[in-house]
Amino acid sequence: MILTALNDYYQRLSKENKVPQPGFSTEQISYEILINQSGTPIQVNFIGSSEGE
């Protein structure tokens, strides 16, 4: 019974785009890695913010 209620609640939030779709998550990303066409890393860039750390 409680699992059904939790699932219904998640579905309502999902329709309002307030939660990620199943299989996805919201993450805070601070860095990006650039790779060339052969897959070799060529650069690391800081793209995040130091606020809240």
N, C-alpha and C. Protein backbone atom coordinates (compact mmCIF):
# COMPACT_ATOMS: atom_id res chain seq x y z
N MET A 1 0.81 -1.19 0.00
CA MET A 1 0.00 0.00 0.00
C MET A 1 0.86 1.26 0.00
N ILE A 2 1.88 1.32 0.88
CA ILE A 2 2.73 2.51 0.91
C ILE A 2 3.57 2.61 -0.36
N LEU A 3 4.00 1.47 -0.91
CA LEU A 3 4.78 1.52 -2.16
C LEU A 3 3.94 2.06 -3.31
N THR A 4 2.69 1.69 -3.35
CA THR A 4 1.79 2.20 -4.38
C THR A 4 1.64 3.71 -4.25
N ALA A 5 1.48 4.18 -3.02
CA ALA A 5 1.33 5.62 -2.79
C ALA A 5 2.61 6.36 -3.19
N LEU A 6 3.78 5.80 -2.85
CA LEU A 6 5.04 6.43 -3.22
C LEU A 6 5.21 6.46 -4.74
N ASN A 7 4.85 5.39 -5.40
CA ASN A 7 4.92 5.34 -6.85
C ASN A 7 3.99 6.38 -7.49
N ASP A 8 2.78 6.48 -6.99
CA ASP A 8 1.83 7.47 -7.51
C ASP A 8 2.37 8.90 -7.33
N TYR A 9 2.96 9.15 -6.16
CA TYR A 9 3.54 10.47 -5.88
C TYR A 9 4.68 10.76 -6.85
N TYR A 10 5.55 9.78 -7.08
CA TYR A 10 6.66 9.96 -8.02
C TYR A 10 6.13 10.25 -9.42
N GLN A 11 5.09 9.56 -9.82
CA GLN A 11 4.52 9.77 -11.16
C GLN A 11 3.97 11.19 -11.29
N ARG A 12 3.32 11.69 -10.24
CA ARG A 12 2.81 13.07 -10.28
C ARG A 12 3.96 14.07 -10.39
N LEU A 13 5.00 13.87 -9.59
CA LEU A 13 6.16 14.76 -9.66
C LEU A 13 6.85 14.68 -11.01
N SER A 14 6.89 13.49 -11.59
CA SER A 14 7.51 13.30 -12.90
C SER A 14 6.77 14.08 -13.99
N LYS A 15 5.46 14.08 -13.93
CA LYS A 15 4.67 14.82 -14.92
C LYS A 15 4.90 16.32 -14.82
N GLU A 16 5.30 16.80 -13.63
CA GLU A 16 5.57 18.22 -13.41
C GLU A 16 7.06 18.54 -13.61
N ASN A 17 7.84 17.57 -14.08
CA ASN A 17 9.29 17.71 -14.29
C ASN A 17 10.02 18.14 -13.03
N LYS A 18 9.60 17.63 -11.88
CA LYS A 18 10.23 17.96 -10.61
C LYS A 18 11.19 16.87 -10.14
N VAL A 19 11.20 15.73 -10.81
CA VAL A 19 12.12 14.63 -10.50
C VAL A 19 12.65 14.08 -11.82
N PRO A 20 13.84 13.49 -11.80
CA PRO A 20 14.37 12.90 -13.04
C PRO A 20 13.58 11.65 -13.44
N GLN A 21 13.61 11.36 -14.71
CA GLN A 21 12.96 10.16 -15.23
C GLN A 21 13.69 8.93 -14.71
N PRO A 22 13.02 7.80 -14.64
CA PRO A 22 13.69 6.57 -14.18
C PRO A 22 14.95 6.29 -15.00
N GLY A 23 16.01 5.95 -14.30
CA GLY A 23 17.29 5.67 -14.97
C GLY A 23 18.19 6.88 -15.08
N PHE A 24 17.70 8.06 -14.70
CA PHE A 24 18.48 9.29 -14.76
C PHE A 24 18.56 9.90 -13.38
N SER A 25 19.51 10.82 -13.19
CA SER A 25 19.63 11.52 -11.92
C SER A 25 20.14 12.93 -12.17
N THR A 26 19.91 13.79 -11.21
CA THR A 26 20.41 15.15 -11.27
C THR A 26 21.71 15.20 -10.47
N GLU A 27 22.77 15.65 -11.11
CA GLU A 27 24.09 15.69 -10.46
C GLU A 27 24.71 17.07 -10.64
N GLN A 28 25.54 17.44 -9.70
CA GLN A 28 26.31 18.67 -9.83
C GLN A 28 27.66 18.31 -10.45
N ILE A 29 27.87 18.77 -11.67
CA ILE A 29 29.09 18.45 -12.41
C ILE A 29 30.03 19.64 -12.33
N SER A 30 31.28 19.40 -11.92
CA SER A 30 32.25 20.49 -11.76
C SER A 30 33.32 20.50 -12.84
N TYR A 31 33.54 19.37 -13.49
CA TYR A 31 34.62 19.28 -14.48
C TYR A 31 34.12 18.61 -15.75
N GLU A 32 34.77 18.95 -16.85
CA GLU A 32 34.53 18.25 -18.11
C GLU A 32 35.87 17.76 -18.64
N ILE A 33 35.85 16.64 -19.30
CA ILE A 33 37.05 16.07 -19.92
C ILE A 33 36.85 16.08 -21.43
N LEU A 34 37.72 16.76 -22.12
CA LEU A 34 37.66 16.80 -23.57
C LEU A 34 38.53 15.67 -24.12
N ILE A 35 37.99 14.95 -25.08
CA ILE A 35 38.73 13.85 -25.69
C ILE A 35 38.79 14.06 -27.20
N ASN A 36 39.84 13.53 -27.81
CA ASN A 36 39.94 13.65 -29.27
C ASN A 36 39.17 12.48 -29.91
N GLN A 37 39.21 12.41 -31.23
CA GLN A 37 38.42 11.41 -31.95
C GLN A 37 38.87 9.98 -31.66
N SER A 38 40.10 9.81 -31.22
CA SER A 38 40.57 8.46 -30.92
C SER A 38 40.29 8.08 -29.46
N GLY A 39 39.72 9.02 -28.69
CA GLY A 39 39.35 8.72 -27.31
C GLY A 39 40.40 9.08 -26.28
N THR A 40 41.44 9.76 -26.70
CA THR A 40 42.50 10.16 -25.77
C THR A 40 42.11 11.48 -25.09
N PRO A 41 42.16 11.52 -23.75
CA PRO A 41 41.86 12.78 -23.06
C PRO A 41 42.89 13.84 -23.44
N ILE A 42 42.42 15.05 -23.75
CA ILE A 42 43.35 16.12 -24.14
C ILE A 42 43.27 17.33 -23.23
N GLN A 43 42.19 17.46 -22.46
CA GLN A 43 42.07 18.64 -21.61
C GLN A 43 41.02 18.38 -20.53
N VAL A 44 41.24 18.95 -19.34
CA VAL A 44 40.27 18.90 -18.25
C VAL A 44 39.93 20.34 -17.90
N ASN A 45 38.64 20.67 -17.90
CA ASN A 45 38.19 22.03 -17.61
C ASN A 45 37.29 22.05 -16.38
N PHE A 46 37.52 23.04 -15.53
CA PHE A 46 36.62 23.28 -14.40
C PHE A 46 35.44 24.07 -14.93
N ILE A 47 34.22 23.53 -14.79
CA ILE A 47 33.03 24.21 -15.31
C ILE A 47 32.02 24.52 -14.21
N GLY A 48 32.35 24.13 -12.98
CA GLY A 48 31.42 24.30 -11.87
C GLY A 48 31.68 25.55 -11.09
N SER A 49 31.04 25.62 -9.97
CA SER A 49 31.18 26.76 -9.08
C SER A 49 31.71 26.25 -7.75
N SER A 50 32.53 27.03 -7.09
CA SER A 50 33.06 26.62 -5.79
C SER A 50 32.09 26.99 -4.66
N GLU A 51 30.95 27.60 -5.00
CA GLU A 51 29.96 27.97 -3.99
C GLU A 51 29.34 26.72 -3.38
N GLY A 52 29.14 26.73 -2.09
CA GLY A 52 28.47 25.63 -1.42
C GLY A 52 29.34 24.43 -1.14
N GLU A 53 30.64 24.54 -1.40
CA GLU A 53 31.53 23.40 -1.15
C GLU A 53 32.05 23.44 0.25
